[in-house]
């Protein structure tokens, strides 16, 4: 089964090797048929502490790293990050 990939904005980088990513999505209201914004925060693993608040990142599902952290950063501001960066270069 393919892993889910989400895009969002970094809202916190205060933790060590962890960032908080806010992911926005638009869904249609079932009755009024109007698009409304829904957002959710995810804790993502940032091995090298590269991501800063305000960066746009892509995160991918991974096996659980801790109780809340089941996502890993794969790109930051459009550039690959971590093990994927070494493999693609």
PDB file of N, CA and C in Angstrom:
ATOM      1  N   UNK A   1       0.842  -1.185   0.000  1.00  0.00           N
ATOM      2  CA  UNK A   1       0.000   0.000   0.000  1.00  0.00           C
ATOM      3  C   UNK A   1       0.884   1.243   0.000  1.00  0.00           C
ATOM      4  N   UNK A   2       0.592   2.219  -0.859  1.00  0.00           N
ATOM      5  CA  UNK A   2       1.446   3.411  -0.921  1.00  0.00           C
ATOM      6  C   UNK A   2       1.319   4.260   0.339  1.00  0.00           C
ATOM      7  N   UNK A   3       2.407   4.932   0.654  1.00  0.00           N
ATOM      8  CA  UNK A   3       2.402   5.819   1.807  1.00  0.00           C
ATOM      9  C   UNK A   3       1.764   7.141   1.428  1.00  0.00           C
ATOM     10  N   UNK A   4       1.045   7.739   2.387  1.00  0.00           N
ATOM     11  CA  UNK A   4       0.427   9.037   2.136  1.00  0.00           C
ATOM     12  C   UNK A   4       1.492  10.128   2.195  1.00  0.00           C
ATOM     13  N   UNK A   5       1.362  11.126   1.345  1.00  0.00           N
ATOM     14  CA  UNK A   5       2.255  12.278   1.336  1.00  0.00           C
ATOM     15  C   UNK A   5       1.395  13.526   1.496  1.00  0.00           C
ATOM     16  N   UNK A   6       1.752  14.378   2.469  1.00  0.00           N
ATOM     17  CA  UNK A   6       1.008  15.605   2.729  1.00  0.00           C
ATOM     18  C   UNK A   6       1.936  16.807   2.628  1.00  0.00           C
ATOM     19  N   UNK A   7       1.381  17.958   2.277  1.00  0.00           N
ATOM     20  CA  UNK A   7       2.133  19.204   2.233  1.00  0.00           C
ATOM     21  C   UNK A   7       1.561  20.147   3.276  1.00  0.00           C
ATOM     22  N   UNK A   8       2.451  20.885   3.937  1.00  0.00           N
ATOM     23  CA  UNK A   8       1.985  21.816   4.954  1.00  0.00           C
ATOM     24  C   UNK A   8       3.055  22.821   5.330  1.00  0.00           C
ATOM     25  N   UNK A   9       2.730  23.611   6.348  1.00  0.00           N
ATOM     26  CA  UNK A   9       3.611  24.682   6.800  1.00  0.00           C
ATOM     27  C   UNK A   9       4.087  24.377   8.218  1.00  0.00           C
ATOM     28  N   UNK A  10       5.365  24.623   8.485  1.00  0.00           N
ATOM     29  CA  UNK A  10       5.930  24.370   9.811  1.00  0.00           C
ATOM     30  C   UNK A  10       5.445  25.461  10.769  1.00  0.00           C
ATOM     31  N   UNK A  11       4.844  25.036  11.891  1.00  0.00           N
ATOM     32  CA  UNK A  11       4.365  25.995  12.882  1.00  0.00           C
ATOM     33  C   UNK A  11       5.210  25.986  14.146  1.00  0.00           C
ATOM     34  N   UNK A  12       6.017  24.937  14.355  1.00  0.00           N
ATOM     35  CA  UNK A  12       6.872  24.877  15.537  1.00  0.00           C
ATOM     36  C   UNK A  12       8.092  24.016  15.243  1.00  0.00           C
ATOM     37  N   UNK A  13       9.264  24.493  15.706  1.00  0.00           N
ATOM     38  CA  UNK A  13      10.495  23.705  15.582  1.00  0.00           C
ATOM     39  C   UNK A  13      11.253  23.677  16.900  1.00  0.00           C
ATOM     40  N   UNK A  14      10.536  23.853  18.003  1.00  0.00           N
ATOM     41  CA  UNK A  14      11.166  23.949  19.317  1.00  0.00           C
ATOM     42  C   UNK A  14      11.686  22.608  19.844  1.00  0.00           C
ATOM     43  N   UNK A  15      11.123  21.492  19.354  1.00  0.00           N
ATOM     44  CA  UNK A  15      11.536  20.181  19.837  1.00  0.00           C
ATOM     45  C   UNK A  15      12.775  19.709  19.090  1.00  0.00           C
ATOM     46  N   UNK A  16      13.510  18.786  19.695  1.00  0.00           N
ATOM     47  CA  UNK A  16      14.701  18.236  19.056  1.00  0.00           C
ATOM     48  C   UNK A  16      14.292  17.149  18.065  1.00  0.00           C
ATOM     49  N   UNK A  17      14.701  17.316  16.803  1.00  0.00           N
ATOM     50  CA  UNK A  17      14.429  16.365  15.719  1.00  0.00           C
ATOM     51  C   UNK A  17      12.939  16.183  15.438  1.00  0.00           C
ATOM     52  N   UNK A  18      12.125  17.152  15.833  1.00  0.00           N
ATOM     53  CA  UNK A  18      10.683  17.073  15.598  1.00  0.00           C
ATOM     54  C   UNK A  18      10.166  18.451  15.223  1.00  0.00           C
ATOM     55  N   UNK A  19       9.259  18.484  14.246  1.00  0.00           N
ATOM     56  CA  UNK A  19       8.587  19.724  13.897  1.00  0.00           C
ATOM     57  C   UNK A  19       7.080  19.485  13.920  1.00  0.00           C
ATOM     58  N   UNK A  20       6.319  20.561  14.050  1.00  0.00           N
ATOM     59  CA  UNK A  20       4.877  20.494  13.964  1.00  0.00           C
ATOM     60  C   UNK A  20       4.473  21.097  12.628  1.00  0.00           C
ATOM     61  N   UNK A  21       3.682  20.344  11.852  1.00  0.00           N
ATOM     62  CA  UNK A  21       3.295  20.761  10.507  1.00  0.00           C
ATOM     63  C   UNK A  21       1.785  20.952  10.473  1.00  0.00           C
ATOM     64  N   UNK A  22       1.339  22.125   9.998  1.00  0.00           N
ATOM     65  CA  UNK A  22      -0.078  22.411   9.845  1.00  0.00           C
ATOM     66  C   UNK A  22      -0.470  22.115   8.403  1.00  0.00           C
ATOM     67  N   UNK A  23      -1.390  21.163   8.221  1.00  0.00           N
ATOM     68  CA  UNK A  23      -1.835  20.763   6.894  1.00  0.00           C
ATOM     69  C   UNK A  23      -3.268  21.241   6.698  1.00  0.00           C
ATOM     70  N   UNK A  24      -3.480  22.073   5.663  1.00  0.00           N
ATOM     71  CA  UNK A  24      -4.809  22.579   5.328  1.00  0.00           C
ATOM     72  C   UNK A  24      -5.402  21.753   4.202  1.00  0.00           C
ATOM     73  N   UNK A  25      -6.711  21.560   4.246  1.00  0.00           N
ATOM     74  CA  UNK A  25      -7.395  20.905   3.142  1.00  0.00           C
ATOM     75  C   UNK A  25      -8.758  21.561   2.984  1.00  0.00           C
ATOM     76  N   UNK A  26      -9.309  21.450   1.789  1.00  0.00           N
ATOM     77  CA  UNK A  26     -10.620  22.019   1.500  1.00  0.00           C
ATOM     78  C   UNK A  26     -11.606  20.885   1.275  1.00  0.00           C
ATOM     79  N   UNK A  27     -12.721  20.931   2.001  1.00  0.00           N
ATOM     80  CA  UNK A  27     -13.748  19.909   1.854  1.00  0.00           C
ATOM     81  C   UNK A  27     -15.083  20.587   1.583  1.00  0.00           C
ATOM     82  N   UNK A  28     -15.946  19.890   0.870  1.00  0.00           N
ATOM     83  CA  UNK A  28     -17.261  20.440   0.571  1.00  0.00           C
ATOM     84  C   UNK A  28     -18.230  20.115   1.701  1.00  0.00           C
ATOM     85  N   UNK A  29     -18.977  21.123   2.133  1.00  0.00           N
ATOM     86  CA  UNK A  29     -19.983  20.922   3.165  1.00  0.00           C
ATOM     87  C   UNK A  29     -21.089  20.026   2.590  1.00  0.00           C
ATOM     88  N   UNK A  30     -21.487  18.989   3.329  1.00  0.00           N
ATOM     89  CA  UNK A  30     -22.435  18.023   2.760  1.00  0.00           C
ATOM     90  C   UNK A  30     -23.813  18.607   2.438  1.00  0.00           C
ATOM     91  N   UNK A  31     -24.253  19.598   3.197  1.00  0.00           N
ATOM     92  CA  UNK A  31     -25.585  20.155   2.968  1.00  0.00           C
ATOM     93  C   UNK A  31     -25.546  21.411   2.095  1.00  0.00           C
ATOM     94  N   UNK A  32     -24.643  22.339   2.422  1.00  0.00           N
ATOM     95  CA  UNK A  32     -24.636  23.637   1.748  1.00  0.00           C
ATOM     96  C   UNK A  32     -23.749  23.674   0.508  1.00  0.00           C
ATOM     97  N   UNK A  33     -22.980  22.622   0.271  1.00  0.00           N
ATOM     98  CA  UNK A  33     -22.129  22.498  -0.921  1.00  0.00           C
ATOM     99  C   UNK A  33     -21.103  23.624  -1.049  1.00  0.00           C
ATOM    100  N   UNK A  34     -20.731  24.210   0.058  1.00  0.00           N
ATOM    101  CA  UNK A  34     -19.724  25.265   0.048  1.00  0.00           C
ATOM    102  C   UNK A  34     -18.399  24.659   0.506  1.00  0.00           C
ATOM    103  N   UNK A  35     -17.297  25.082  -0.105  1.00  0.00           N
ATOM    104  CA  UNK A  35     -15.992  24.582   0.315  1.00  0.00           C
ATOM    105  C   UNK A  35     -15.572  25.267   1.600  1.00  0.00           C
ATOM    106  N   UNK A  36     -15.166  24.467   2.582  1.00  0.00           N
ATOM    107  CA  UNK A  36     -14.689  24.997   3.857  1.00  0.00           C
ATOM    108  C   UNK A  36     -13.292  24.460   4.124  1.00  0.00           C
ATOM    109  N   UNK A  37     -12.520  25.215   4.890  1.00  0.00           N
ATOM    110  CA  UNK A  37     -11.145  24.825   5.193  1.00  0.00           C
ATOM    111  C   UNK A  37     -11.102  24.008   6.472  1.00  0.00           C
ATOM    112  N   UNK A  38     -10.387  22.907   6.418  1.00  0.00           N
ATOM    113  CA  UNK A  38     -10.135  22.087   7.600  1.00  0.00           C
ATOM    114  C   UNK A  38      -8.623  21.979   7.734  1.00  0.00           C
ATOM    115  N   UNK A  39      -8.130  22.016   8.977  1.00  0.00           N
ATOM    116  CA  UNK A  39      -6.687  21.912   9.172  1.00  0.00           C
ATOM    117  C   UNK A  39      -6.395  20.960  10.322  1.00  0.00           C
ATOM    118  N   UNK A  40      -5.207  20.386  10.274  1.00  0.00           N
ATOM    119  CA  UNK A  40      -4.777  19.458  11.310  1.00  0.00           C
ATOM    120  C   UNK A  40      -3.268  19.580  11.478  1.00  0.00           C
ATOM    121  N   UNK A  41      -2.799  19.383  12.700  1.00  0.00           N
ATOM    122  CA  UNK A  41      -1.365  19.454  12.975  1.00  0.00           C
ATOM    123  C   UNK A  41      -0.792  18.048  13.108  1.00  0.00           C
ATOM    124  N   UNK A  42       0.366  17.842  12.516  1.00  0.00           N
ATOM    125  CA  UNK A  42       1.067  16.565  12.591  1.00  0.00           C
ATOM    126  C   UNK A  42       2.459  16.792  13.157  1.00  0.00           C
ATOM    127  N   UNK A  43       2.930  15.859  13.976  1.00  0.00           N
ATOM    128  CA  UNK A  43       4.315  15.874  14.442  1.00  0.00           C
ATOM    129  C   UNK A  43       5.131  15.063  13.447  1.00  0.00           C
ATOM    130  N   UNK A  44       6.205  15.665  12.927  1.00  0.00           N
ATOM    131  CA  UNK A  44       7.006  15.003  11.903  1.00  0.00           C
ATOM    132  C   UNK A  44       8.463  14.958  12.330  1.00  0.00           C
ATOM    133  N   UNK A  45       9.156  13.895  11.914  1.00  0.00           N
ATOM    134  CA  UNK A  45      10.562  13.684  12.258  1.00  0.00           C
ATOM    135  C   UNK A  45      11.454  14.495  11.314  1.00  0.00           C
ATOM    136  N   UNK A  46      12.330  15.316  11.890  1.00  0.00           N
ATOM    137  CA  UNK A  46      13.286  16.137  11.134  1.00  0.00           C
ATOM    138  C   UNK A  46      14.672  15.800  11.672  1.00  0.00           C
ATOM    139  N   UNK A  47      15.314  14.804  11.081  1.00  0.00           N
ATOM    140  CA  UNK A  47      16.565  14.241  11.609  1.00  0.00           C
ATOM    141  C   UNK A  47      17.659  15.281  11.809  1.00  0.00           C
ATOM    142  N   UNK A  48      17.821  16.214  10.861  1.00  0.00           N
ATOM    143  CA  UNK A  48      18.941  17.169  10.928  1.00  0.00           C
ATOM    144  C   UNK A  48      18.548  18.528  11.480  1.00  0.00           C
ATOM    145  N   UNK A  49      17.338  18.686  11.994  1.00  0.00           N
ATOM    146  CA  UNK A  49      16.849  19.971  12.512  1.00  0.00           C
ATOM    147  C   UNK A  49      17.012  21.092  11.489  1.00  0.00           C
ATOM    148  N   UNK A  50      16.692  20.823  10.230  1.00  0.00           N
ATOM    149  CA  UNK A  50      16.836  21.818   9.164  1.00  0.00           C
ATOM    150  C   UNK A  50      15.636  22.754   9.056  1.00  0.00           C
ATOM    151  N   UNK A  51      14.452  22.256   9.321  1.00  0.00           N
ATOM    152  CA  UNK A  51      13.223  23.016   9.081  1.00  0.00           C
ATOM    153  C   UNK A  51      13.025  24.097  10.135  1.00  0.00           C
ATOM    154  N   UNK A  52      12.593  25.256   9.667  1.00  0.00           N
ATOM    155  CA  UNK A  52      12.316  26.396  10.542  1.00  0.00           C
ATOM    156  C   UNK A  52      10.854  26.797  10.387  1.00  0.00           C
ATOM    157  N   UNK A  53      10.352  27.595  11.322  1.00  0.00           N
ATOM    158  CA  UNK A  53       8.961  28.041  11.288  1.00  0.00           C
ATOM    159  C   UNK A  53       8.714  28.818   9.996  1.00  0.00           C
ATOM    160  N   UNK A  54       7.625  28.479   9.316  1.00  0.00           N
ATOM    161  CA  UNK A  54       7.264  29.150   8.073  1.00  0.00           C
ATOM    162  C   UNK A  54       7.660  28.392   6.825  1.00  0.00           C
ATOM    163  N   UNK A  55       8.529  27.386   6.938  1.00  0.00           N
ATOM    164  CA  UNK A  55       8.929  26.594   5.776  1.00  0.00           C
ATOM    165  C   UNK A  55       7.743  25.773   5.268  1.00  0.00           C
ATOM    166  N   UNK A  56       7.727  25.541   3.973  1.00  0.00           N
ATOM    167  CA  UNK A  56       6.749  24.633   3.370  1.00  0.00           C
ATOM    168  C   UNK A  56       7.416  23.277   3.218  1.00  0.00           C
ATOM    169  N   UNK A  57       6.812  22.243   3.789  1.00  0.00           N
ATOM    170  CA  UNK A  57       7.428  20.920   3.790  1.00  0.00           C
ATOM    171  C   UNK A  57       6.459  19.884   3.247  1.00  0.00           C
ATOM    172  N   UNK A  58       7.020  18.760   2.786  1.00  0.00           N
ATOM    173  CA  UNK A  58       6.236  17.580   2.420  1.00  0.00           C
ATOM    174  C   UNK A  58       6.617  16.495   3.407  1.00  0.00           C
ATOM    175  N   UNK A  59       5.601  15.805   3.939  1.00  0.00           N
ATOM    176  CA  UNK A  59       5.843  14.744   4.908  1.00  0.00           C
ATOM    177  C   UNK A  59       5.229  13.456   4.386  1.00  0.00           C
ATOM    178  N   UNK A  60       5.828  12.332   4.788  1.00  0.00           N
ATOM    179  CA  UNK A  60       5.377  11.023   4.330  1.00  0.00           C
ATOM    180  C   UNK A  60       5.169  10.129   5.553  1.00  0.00           C
ATOM    181  N   UNK A  61       4.184   9.234   5.454  1.00  0.00           N
ATOM    182  CA  UNK A  61       3.913   8.284   6.530  1.00  0.00           C
ATOM    183  C   UNK A  61       5.096   7.350   6.737  1.00  0.00           C
ATOM    184  N   UNK A  62       5.320   6.951   7.987  1.00  0.00           N
ATOM    185  CA  UNK A  62       6.384   6.001   8.303  1.00  0.00           C
ATOM    186  C   UNK A  62       5.949   5.184   9.521  1.00  0.00           C
ATOM    187  N   UNK A  63       6.686   4.123   9.850  1.00  0.00           N
ATOM    188  CA  UNK A  63       6.366   3.386  11.076  1.00  0.00           C
ATOM    189  C   UNK A  63       6.505   4.299  12.295  1.00  0.00           C
ATOM    190  N   UNK A  64       5.777   4.047  13.369  1.00  0.00           N
ATOM    191  CA  UNK A  64       5.816   4.946  14.526  1.00  0.00           C
ATOM    192  C   UNK A  64       7.224   5.146  15.073  1.00  0.00           C
ATOM    193  N   UNK A  65       7.576   6.413  15.289  1.00  0.00           N
ATOM    194  CA  UNK A  65       8.874   6.773  15.877  1.00  0.00           C
ATOM    195  C   UNK A  65       8.687   7.023  17.367  1.00  0.00           C
ATOM    196  N   UNK A  66       7.544   7.598  17.722  1.00  0.00           N
ATOM    197  CA  UNK A  66       7.172   7.791  19.122  1.00  0.00           C
ATOM    198  C   UNK A  66       5.649   7.732  19.188  1.00  0.00           C
ATOM    199  N   UNK A  67       5.081   8.102  20.326  1.00  0.00           N
ATOM    200  CA  UNK A  67       3.633   7.978  20.489  1.00  0.00           C
ATOM    201  C   UNK A  67       2.870   8.844  19.492  1.00  0.00           C
ATOM    202  N   UNK A  68       3.334  10.067  19.238  1.00  0.00           N
ATOM    203  CA  UNK A  68       2.629  10.993  18.345  1.00  0.00           C
ATOM    204  C   UNK A  68       3.251  11.091  16.961  1.00  0.00           C
ATOM    205  N   UNK A  69       4.467  10.620  16.805  1.00  0.00           N
ATOM    206  CA  UNK A  69       5.228  10.902  15.587  1.00  0.00           C
ATOM    207  C   UNK A  69       5.249   9.706  14.640  1.00  0.00           C
ATOM    208  N   UNK A  70       4.476   9.818  13.546  1.00  0.00           N
ATOM    209  CA  UNK A  70       4.447   8.760  12.541  1.00  0.00           C
ATOM    210  C   UNK A  70       4.637   9.342  11.140  1.00  0.00           C
ATOM    211  N   UNK A  71       5.267  10.494  11.048  1.00  0.00           N
ATOM    212  CA  UNK A  71       5.522  11.165   9.778  1.00  0.00           C
ATOM    213  C   UNK A  71       6.985  11.588   9.725  1.00  0.00           C
ATOM    214  N   UNK A  72       7.559  11.627   8.509  1.00  0.00           N
ATOM    215  CA  UNK A  72       8.947  12.027   8.295  1.00  0.00           C
ATOM    216  C   UNK A  72       8.996  13.082   7.203  1.00  0.00           C
ATOM    217  N   UNK A  73       9.878  14.069   7.358  1.00  0.00           N
ATOM    218  CA  UNK A  73      10.031  15.125   6.356  1.00  0.00           C
ATOM    219  C   UNK A  73      10.795  14.563   5.159  1.00  0.00           C
ATOM    220  N   UNK A  74      10.254  14.802   3.937  1.00  0.00           N
ATOM    221  CA  UNK A  74      10.973  14.359   2.733  1.00  0.00           C
ATOM    222  C   UNK A  74      11.470  15.529   1.896  1.00  0.00           C
ATOM    223  N   UNK A  75      10.830  16.701   2.002  1.00  0.00           N
ATOM    224  CA  UNK A  75      11.354  17.866   1.282  1.00  0.00           C
ATOM    225  C   UNK A  75      11.016  19.142   2.035  1.00  0.00           C
ATOM    226  N   UNK A  76      11.889  20.126   1.867  1.00  0.00           N
ATOM    227  CA  UNK A  76      11.744  21.421   2.533  1.00  0.00           C
ATOM    228  C   UNK A  76      11.905  22.500   1.480  1.00  0.00           C
ATOM    229  N   UNK A  77      10.888  23.338   1.320  1.00  0.00           N
ATOM    230  CA  UNK A  77      10.882  24.410   0.316  1.00  0.00           C
ATOM    231  C   UNK A  77      11.234  23.885  -1.074  1.00  0.00           C
ATOM    232  N   UNK A  78      10.743  22.685  -1.397  1.00  0.00           N
ATOM    233  CA  UNK A  78      10.946  22.109  -2.720  1.00  0.00           C
ATOM    234  C   UNK A  78      12.233  21.337  -2.906  1.00  0.00           C
ATOM    235  N   UNK A  79      13.099  21.280  -1.906  1.00  0.00           N
ATOM    236  CA  UNK A  79      14.369  20.555  -2.011  1.00  0.00           C
ATOM    237  C   UNK A  79      14.329  19.322  -1.117  1.00  0.00           C
ATOM    238  N   UNK A  80      14.858  18.211  -1.605  1.00  0.00           N
ATOM    239  CA  UNK A  80      14.855  16.954  -0.848  1.00  0.00           C
ATOM    240  C   UNK A  80      15.684  17.096   0.427  1.00  0.00           C
ATOM    241  N   UNK A  81      15.286  16.333   1.458  1.00  0.00           N
ATOM    242  CA  UNK A  81      15.932  16.405   2.775  1.00  0.00           C
ATOM    243  C   UNK A  81      16.280  14.997   3.235  1.00  0.00           C
ATOM    244  N   UNK A  82      17.377  14.834   3.963  1.00  0.00           N
ATOM    245  CA  UNK A  82      17.717  13.577   4.620  1.00  0.00           C
ATOM    246  C   UNK A  82      18.239  12.486   3.712  1.00  0.00           C
ATOM    247  N   UNK A  83      17.860  11.233   4.000  1.00  0.00           N
ATOM    248  CA  UNK A  83      18.379  10.069   3.263  1.00  0.00           C
ATOM    249  C   UNK A  83      17.963  10.127   1.790  1.00  0.00           C
ATOM    250  N   UNK A  84      16.768  10.684   1.513  1.00  0.00           N
ATOM    251  CA  UNK A  84      16.316  10.791   0.127  1.00  0.00           C
ATOM    252  C   UNK A  84      17.223  11.724  -0.673  1.00  0.00           C
ATOM    253  N   UNK A  85      17.769  12.767  -0.013  1.00  0.00           N
ATOM    254  CA  UNK A  85      18.636  13.730  -0.705  1.00  0.00           C
ATOM    255  C   UNK A  85      19.926  13.060  -1.149  1.00  0.00           C
ATOM    256  N   UNK A  86      20.479  12.190  -0.301  1.00  0.00           N
ATOM    257  CA  UNK A  86      21.702  11.490  -0.660  1.00  0.00           C
ATOM    258  C   UNK A  86      21.478  10.476  -1.765  1.00  0.00           C
ATOM    259  N   UNK A  87      20.310   9.834  -1.784  1.00  0.00           N
ATOM    260  CA  UNK A  87      20.018   8.818  -2.783  1.00  0.00           C
ATOM    261  C   UNK A  87      19.769   9.435  -4.162  1.00  0.00           C
ATOM    262  N   UNK A  88      19.158  10.619  -4.188  1.00  0.00           N
ATOM    263  CA  UNK A  88      18.824  11.232  -5.476  1.00  0.00           C
ATOM    264  C   UNK A  88      19.976  12.006  -6.075  1.00  0.00           C
ATOM    265  N   UNK A  89      20.973  12.377  -5.275  1.00  0.00           N
ATOM    266  CA  UNK A  89      22.088  13.182  -5.784  1.00  0.00           C
ATOM    267  C   UNK A  89      23.153  12.328  -6.453  1.00  0.00           C
TER     268      UNK A  89
END
